[in-house]
Amino acid sequence: MINTDKEFYSSPYYFFLRDKGKDYSLYFSAEKNLNEARKKDEMIKVPKDKVKQVKDYLEKLLNSKKK
């Protein structure tokens, strides 16, 4: 489960959703190990009203059999 302000890594996916007050920052990458994922992550801003949709999509992605 994707939680706010807590890193999530399930090979090869890395997600970190941080609360920034007005909005959220979603850090993400797809790498073979956690150290590489942290070094190569990208960030997008997510409005607070869209966070539930983003979490639902990430859960769907993680449960998918396709990598």
PDB file of N, CA and C in Angstrom:
ATOM      1  N   MET A   1       0.831  -1.175   0.000  1.00  0.00           N
ATOM      2  CA  MET A   1       0.000   0.000   0.000  1.00  0.00           C
ATOM      3  C   MET A   1       0.879   1.242   0.000  1.00  0.00           C
ATOM      4  N   ILE A   2       0.504   2.218  -0.780  1.00  0.00           N
ATOM      5  CA  ILE A   2       1.235   3.473  -0.877  1.00  0.00           C
ATOM      6  C   ILE A   2       0.749   4.402   0.231  1.00  0.00           C
ATOM      7  N   ASN A   3       1.662   4.811   1.106  1.00  0.00           N
ATOM      8  CA  ASN A   3       1.330   5.729   2.197  1.00  0.00           C
ATOM      9  C   ASN A   3       2.074   7.042   2.009  1.00  0.00           C
ATOM     10  N   THR A   4       1.529   8.089   2.556  1.00  0.00           N
ATOM     11  CA  THR A   4       2.150   9.408   2.487  1.00  0.00           C
ATOM     12  C   THR A   4       3.360   9.461   3.410  1.00  0.00           C
ATOM     13  N   ASP A   5       4.417  10.107   2.939  1.00  0.00           N
ATOM     14  CA  ASP A   5       5.659  10.303   3.689  1.00  0.00           C
ATOM     15  C   ASP A   5       6.338   8.998   4.090  1.00  0.00           C
ATOM     16  N   LYS A   6       6.170   7.968   3.284  1.00  0.00           N
ATOM     17  CA  LYS A   6       6.829   6.685   3.523  1.00  0.00           C
ATOM     18  C   LYS A   6       7.239   6.106   2.169  1.00  0.00           C
ATOM     19  N   GLU A   7       8.513   5.693   2.066  1.00  0.00           N
ATOM     20  CA  GLU A   7       9.002   5.125   0.811  1.00  0.00           C
ATOM     21  C   GLU A   7       8.388   3.753   0.565  1.00  0.00           C
ATOM     22  N   PHE A   8       8.187   3.452  -0.702  1.00  0.00           N
ATOM     23  CA  PHE A   8       7.693   2.138  -1.089  1.00  0.00           C
ATOM     24  C   PHE A   8       8.568   1.625  -2.224  1.00  0.00           C
ATOM     25  N   TYR A   9       9.091   0.410  -2.058  1.00  0.00           N
ATOM     26  CA  TYR A   9       9.887  -0.212  -3.113  1.00  0.00           C
ATOM     27  C   TYR A   9       9.456  -1.662  -3.274  1.00  0.00           C
ATOM     28  N   SER A  10       9.059  -1.997  -4.475  1.00  0.00           N
ATOM     29  CA  SER A  10       8.749  -3.369  -4.860  1.00  0.00           C
ATOM     30  C   SER A  10       9.351  -3.534  -6.242  1.00  0.00           C
ATOM     31  N   SER A  11      10.426  -4.285  -6.302  1.00  0.00           N
ATOM     32  CA  SER A  11      11.230  -4.385  -7.522  1.00  0.00           C
ATOM     33  C   SER A  11      10.355  -4.564  -8.752  1.00  0.00           C
ATOM     34  N   PRO A  12      10.520  -3.730  -9.731  1.00  0.00           N
ATOM     35  CA  PRO A  12      11.479  -2.637  -9.934  1.00  0.00           C
ATOM     36  C   PRO A  12      10.924  -1.258  -9.599  1.00  0.00           C
ATOM     37  N   TYR A  13       9.763  -1.168  -8.933  1.00  0.00           N
ATOM     38  CA  TYR A  13       9.100   0.118  -8.739  1.00  0.00           C
ATOM     39  C   TYR A  13       9.451   0.779  -7.410  1.00  0.00           C
ATOM     40  N   TYR A  14       9.689   2.088  -7.470  1.00  0.00           N
ATOM     41  CA  TYR A  14       9.972   2.898  -6.291  1.00  0.00           C
ATOM     42  C   TYR A  14       9.023   4.090  -6.301  1.00  0.00           C
ATOM     43  N   PHE A  15       8.346   4.321  -5.165  1.00  0.00           N
ATOM     44  CA  PHE A  15       7.437   5.453  -5.018  1.00  0.00           C
ATOM     45  C   PHE A  15       7.654   6.111  -3.667  1.00  0.00           C
ATOM     46  N   PHE A  16       7.572   7.419  -3.650  1.00  0.00           N
ATOM     47  CA  PHE A  16       7.639   8.173  -2.408  1.00  0.00           C
ATOM     48  C   PHE A  16       6.701   9.360  -2.559  1.00  0.00           C
ATOM     49  N   LEU A  17       5.632   9.384  -1.786  1.00  0.00           N
ATOM     50  CA  LEU A  17       4.622  10.435  -1.846  1.00  0.00           C
ATOM     51  C   LEU A  17       4.789  11.317  -0.616  1.00  0.00           C
ATOM     52  N   ARG A  18       5.198  12.567  -0.841  1.00  0.00           N
ATOM     53  CA  ARG A  18       5.491  13.484   0.264  1.00  0.00           C
ATOM     54  C   ARG A  18       4.482  14.626   0.275  1.00  0.00           C
ATOM     55  N   ASP A  19       3.951  14.898   1.466  1.00  0.00           N
ATOM     56  CA  ASP A  19       3.004  15.997   1.656  1.00  0.00           C
ATOM     57  C   ASP A  19       3.788  17.305   1.735  1.00  0.00           C
ATOM     58  N   LYS A  20       3.486  18.239   0.839  1.00  0.00           N
ATOM     59  CA  LYS A  20       4.190  19.523   0.787  1.00  0.00           C
ATOM     60  C   LYS A  20       3.287  20.692   1.163  1.00  0.00           C
ATOM     61  N   GLY A  21       2.207  20.441   1.860  1.00  0.00           N
ATOM     62  CA  GLY A  21       1.303  21.521   2.270  1.00  0.00           C
ATOM     63  C   GLY A  21       0.184  21.735   1.275  1.00  0.00           C
ATOM     64  N   LYS A  22       0.422  22.534   0.251  1.00  0.00           N
ATOM     65  CA  LYS A  22      -0.606  22.820  -0.761  1.00  0.00           C
ATOM     66  C   LYS A  22      -0.850  21.638  -1.685  1.00  0.00           C
ATOM     67  N   ASP A  23       0.193  20.840  -1.912  1.00  0.00           N
ATOM     68  CA  ASP A  23       0.085  19.699  -2.822  1.00  0.00           C
ATOM     69  C   ASP A  23       1.014  18.581  -2.351  1.00  0.00           C
ATOM     70  N   TYR A  24       1.110  17.539  -3.151  1.00  0.00           N
ATOM     71  CA  TYR A  24       1.987  16.413  -2.854  1.00  0.00           C
ATOM     72  C   TYR A  24       3.071  16.327  -3.921  1.00  0.00           C
ATOM     73  N   SER A  25       4.209  15.793  -3.536  1.00  0.00           N
ATOM     74  CA  SER A  25       5.275  15.496  -4.489  1.00  0.00           C
ATOM     75  C   SER A  25       5.378  13.987  -4.589  1.00  0.00           C
ATOM     76  N   LEU A  26       5.315  13.477  -5.803  1.00  0.00           N
ATOM     77  CA  LEU A  26       5.430  12.040  -6.043  1.00  0.00           C
ATOM     78  C   LEU A  26       6.774  11.781  -6.710  1.00  0.00           C
ATOM     79  N   TYR A  27       7.635  11.074  -5.993  1.00  0.00           N
ATOM     80  CA  TYR A  27       8.927  10.660  -6.526  1.00  0.00           C
ATOM     81  C   TYR A  27       8.758   9.221  -7.001  1.00  0.00           C
ATOM     82  N   PHE A  28       9.256   8.918  -8.193  1.00  0.00           N
ATOM     83  CA  PHE A  28       9.065   7.582  -8.740  1.00  0.00           C
ATOM     84  C   PHE A  28      10.232   7.195  -9.638  1.00  0.00           C
ATOM     85  N   SER A  29      10.460   5.892  -9.741  1.00  0.00           N
ATOM     86  CA  SER A  29      11.437   5.346 -10.691  1.00  0.00           C
ATOM     87  C   SER A  29      11.226   3.844 -10.787  1.00  0.00           C
ATOM     88  N   ALA A  30      11.898   3.252 -11.766  1.00  0.00           N
ATOM     89  CA  ALA A  30      11.847   1.804 -11.966  1.00  0.00           C
ATOM     90  C   ALA A  30      13.284   1.330 -12.179  1.00  0.00           C
ATOM     91  N   GLU A  31      13.867   0.766 -11.137  1.00  0.00           N
ATOM     92  CA  GLU A  31      15.258   0.312 -11.170  1.00  0.00           C
ATOM     93  C   GLU A  31      15.381  -1.039 -10.482  1.00  0.00           C
ATOM     94  N   LYS A  32      16.518  -1.686 -10.693  1.00  0.00           N
ATOM     95  CA  LYS A  32      16.741  -3.036 -10.166  1.00  0.00           C
ATOM     96  C   LYS A  32      16.903  -3.076  -8.653  1.00  0.00           C
ATOM     97  N   ASN A  33      17.439  -2.003  -8.055  1.00  0.00           N
ATOM     98  CA  ASN A  33      17.592  -2.007  -6.599  1.00  0.00           C
ATOM     99  C   ASN A  33      17.234  -0.637  -6.029  1.00  0.00           C
ATOM    100  N   LEU A  34      17.063  -0.585  -4.732  1.00  0.00           N
ATOM    101  CA  LEU A  34      16.577   0.619  -4.058  1.00  0.00           C
ATOM    102  C   LEU A  34      17.553   1.784  -4.181  1.00  0.00           C
ATOM    103  N   ASN A  35      18.845   1.542  -4.054  1.00  0.00           N
ATOM    104  CA  ASN A  35      19.826   2.626  -4.154  1.00  0.00           C
ATOM    105  C   ASN A  35      19.790   3.292  -5.523  1.00  0.00           C
ATOM    106  N   GLU A  36      19.731   2.513  -6.577  1.00  0.00           N
ATOM    107  CA  GLU A  36      19.642   3.062  -7.932  1.00  0.00           C
ATOM    108  C   GLU A  36      18.332   3.825  -8.110  1.00  0.00           C
ATOM    109  N   ALA A  37      17.255   3.293  -7.562  1.00  0.00           N
ATOM    110  CA  ALA A  37      15.949   3.944  -7.679  1.00  0.00           C
ATOM    111  C   ALA A  37      15.958   5.316  -7.027  1.00  0.00           C
ATOM    112  N   ARG A  38      16.590   5.436  -5.865  1.00  0.00           N
ATOM    113  CA  ARG A  38      16.657   6.729  -5.179  1.00  0.00           C
ATOM    114  C   ARG A  38      17.490   7.732  -5.968  1.00  0.00           C
ATOM    115  N   LYS A  39      18.557   7.277  -6.599  1.00  0.00           N
ATOM    116  CA  LYS A  39      19.436   8.172  -7.352  1.00  0.00           C
ATOM    117  C   LYS A  39      18.775   8.682  -8.632  1.00  0.00           C
ATOM    118  N   LYS A  40      17.945   7.851  -9.259  1.00  0.00           N
ATOM    119  CA  LYS A  40      17.394   8.177 -10.574  1.00  0.00           C
ATOM    120  C   LYS A  40      15.914   8.543 -10.541  1.00  0.00           C
ATOM    121  N   ASP A  41      15.384   8.831  -9.359  1.00  0.00           N
ATOM    122  CA  ASP A  41      13.950   9.119  -9.289  1.00  0.00           C
ATOM    123  C   ASP A  41      13.612  10.463  -9.935  1.00  0.00           C
ATOM    124  N   GLU A  42      12.377  10.560 -10.366  1.00  0.00           N
ATOM    125  CA  GLU A  42      11.832  11.790 -10.936  1.00  0.00           C
ATOM    126  C   GLU A  42      10.698  12.240 -10.028  1.00  0.00           C
ATOM    127  N   MET A  43      10.328  13.524 -10.132  1.00  0.00           N
ATOM    128  CA  MET A  43       9.304  14.059  -9.249  1.00  0.00           C
ATOM    129  C   MET A  43       8.239  14.790 -10.060  1.00  0.00           C
ATOM    130  N   ILE A  44       6.989  14.577  -9.661  1.00  0.00           N
ATOM    131  CA  ILE A  44       5.877  15.349 -10.211  1.00  0.00           C
ATOM    132  C   ILE A  44       5.038  15.867  -9.044  1.00  0.00           C
ATOM    133  N   LYS A  45       4.392  16.999  -9.246  1.00  0.00           N
ATOM    134  CA  LYS A  45       3.502  17.545  -8.224  1.00  0.00           C
ATOM    135  C   LYS A  45       2.094  17.037  -8.481  1.00  0.00           C
ATOM    136  N   VAL A  46       1.424  16.670  -7.393  1.00  0.00           N
ATOM    137  CA  VAL A  46       0.063  16.138  -7.466  1.00  0.00           C
ATOM    138  C   VAL A  46      -0.837  17.011  -6.587  1.00  0.00           C
ATOM    139  N   PRO A  47      -1.913  17.570  -7.146  1.00  0.00           N
ATOM    140  CA  PRO A  47      -2.848  18.343  -6.322  1.00  0.00           C
ATOM    141  C   PRO A  47      -3.501  17.446  -5.267  1.00  0.00           C
ATOM    142  N   LYS A  48      -3.820  18.034  -4.129  1.00  0.00           N
ATOM    143  CA  LYS A  48      -4.390  17.256  -3.027  1.00  0.00           C
ATOM    144  C   LYS A  48      -5.681  16.547  -3.417  1.00  0.00           C
ATOM    145  N   ASP A  49      -6.478  17.120  -4.298  1.00  0.00           N
ATOM    146  CA  ASP A  49      -7.744  16.493  -4.668  1.00  0.00           C
ATOM    147  C   ASP A  49      -7.562  15.302  -5.618  1.00  0.00           C
ATOM    148  N   LYS A  50      -6.355  15.089  -6.128  1.00  0.00           N
ATOM    149  CA  LYS A  50      -6.084  13.973  -7.046  1.00  0.00           C
ATOM    150  C   LYS A  50      -5.285  12.845  -6.398  1.00  0.00           C
ATOM    151  N   VAL A  51      -4.919  12.978  -5.131  1.00  0.00           N
ATOM    152  CA  VAL A  51      -4.060  11.985  -4.474  1.00  0.00           C
ATOM    153  C   VAL A  51      -4.711  10.607  -4.416  1.00  0.00           C
ATOM    154  N   LYS A  52      -5.985  10.528  -4.110  1.00  0.00           N
ATOM    155  CA  LYS A  52      -6.651   9.229  -4.038  1.00  0.00           C
ATOM    156  C   LYS A  52      -6.594   8.519  -5.384  1.00  0.00           C
ATOM    157  N   GLN A  53      -6.808   9.249  -6.472  1.00  0.00           N
ATOM    158  CA  GLN A  53      -6.746   8.655  -7.807  1.00  0.00           C
ATOM    159  C   GLN A  53      -5.335   8.159  -8.117  1.00  0.00           C
ATOM    160  N   VAL A  54      -4.332   8.925  -7.719  1.00  0.00           N
ATOM    161  CA  VAL A  54      -2.940   8.515  -7.946  1.00  0.00           C
ATOM    162  C   VAL A  54      -2.623   7.254  -7.146  1.00  0.00           C
ATOM    163  N   LYS A  55      -3.021   7.210  -5.881  1.00  0.00           N
ATOM    164  CA  LYS A  55      -2.783   6.027  -5.050  1.00  0.00           C
ATOM    165  C   LYS A  55      -3.483   4.801  -5.648  1.00  0.00           C
ATOM    166  N   ASP A  56      -4.720   4.965  -6.104  1.00  0.00           N
ATOM    167  CA  ASP A  56      -5.454   3.851  -6.713  1.00  0.00           C
ATOM    168  C   ASP A  56      -4.748   3.341  -7.964  1.00  0.00           C
ATOM    169  N   TYR A  57      -4.246   4.272  -8.779  1.00  0.00           N
ATOM    170  CA  TYR A  57      -3.528   3.874  -9.994  1.00  0.00           C
ATOM    171  C   TYR A  57      -2.236   3.136  -9.653  1.00  0.00           C
ATOM    172  N   LEU A  58      -1.497   3.620  -8.666  1.00  0.00           N
ATOM    173  CA  LEU A  58      -0.245   2.955  -8.270  1.00  0.00           C
ATOM    174  C   LEU A  58      -0.513   1.551  -7.727  1.00  0.00           C
ATOM    175  N   GLU A  59      -1.574   1.400  -6.957  1.00  0.00           N
ATOM    176  CA  GLU A  59      -1.948   0.074  -6.452  1.00  0.00           C
ATOM    177  C   GLU A  59      -2.277  -0.861  -7.616  1.00  0.00           C
ATOM    178  N   LYS A  60      -2.998  -0.352  -8.598  1.00  0.00           N
ATOM    179  CA  LYS A  60      -3.351  -1.146  -9.777  1.00  0.00           C
ATOM    180  C   LYS A  60      -2.083  -1.552 -10.538  1.00  0.00           C
ATOM    181  N   LEU A  61      -1.158  -0.622 -10.681  1.00  0.00           N
ATOM    182  CA  LEU A  61       0.116  -0.894 -11.345  1.00  0.00           C
ATOM    183  C   LEU A  61       0.895  -1.981 -10.614  1.00  0.00           C
ATOM    184  N   LEU A  62       0.949  -1.898  -9.302  1.00  0.00           N
ATOM    185  CA  LEU A  62       1.698  -2.878  -8.512  1.00  0.00           C
ATOM    186  C   LEU A  62       1.065  -4.262  -8.552  1.00  0.00           C
ATOM    187  N   ASN A  63      -0.251  -4.320  -8.667  1.00  0.00           N
ATOM    188  CA  ASN A  63      -0.948  -5.605  -8.714  1.00  0.00           C
ATOM    189  C   ASN A  63      -0.975  -6.213 -10.116  1.00  0.00           C
ATOM    190  N   SER A  64      -0.580  -5.439 -11.113  1.00  0.00           N
ATOM    191  CA  SER A  64      -0.544  -5.911 -12.483  1.00  0.00           C
ATOM    192  C   SER A  64       0.568  -6.951 -12.652  1.00  0.00           C
ATOM    193  N   LYS A  65       0.354  -7.900 -13.511  1.00  0.00           N
ATOM    194  CA  LYS A  65       1.380  -8.919 -13.772  1.00  0.00           C
ATOM    195  C   LYS A  65       2.442  -8.421 -14.729  1.00  0.00           C
ATOM    196  N   LYS A  66       2.130  -7.368 -15.480  1.00  0.00           N
ATOM    197  CA  LYS A  66       3.100  -6.791 -16.405  1.00  0.00           C
ATOM    198  C   LYS A  66       4.045  -5.871 -15.642  1.00  0.00           C
ATOM    199  N   LYS A  67       5.310  -5.935 -15.952  1.00  0.00           N
ATOM    200  CA  LYS A  67       6.318  -5.073 -15.320  1.00  0.00           C
ATOM    201  C   LYS A  67       6.833  -4.090 -16.320  1.00  0.00           C
TER     202      LYS A  67
END
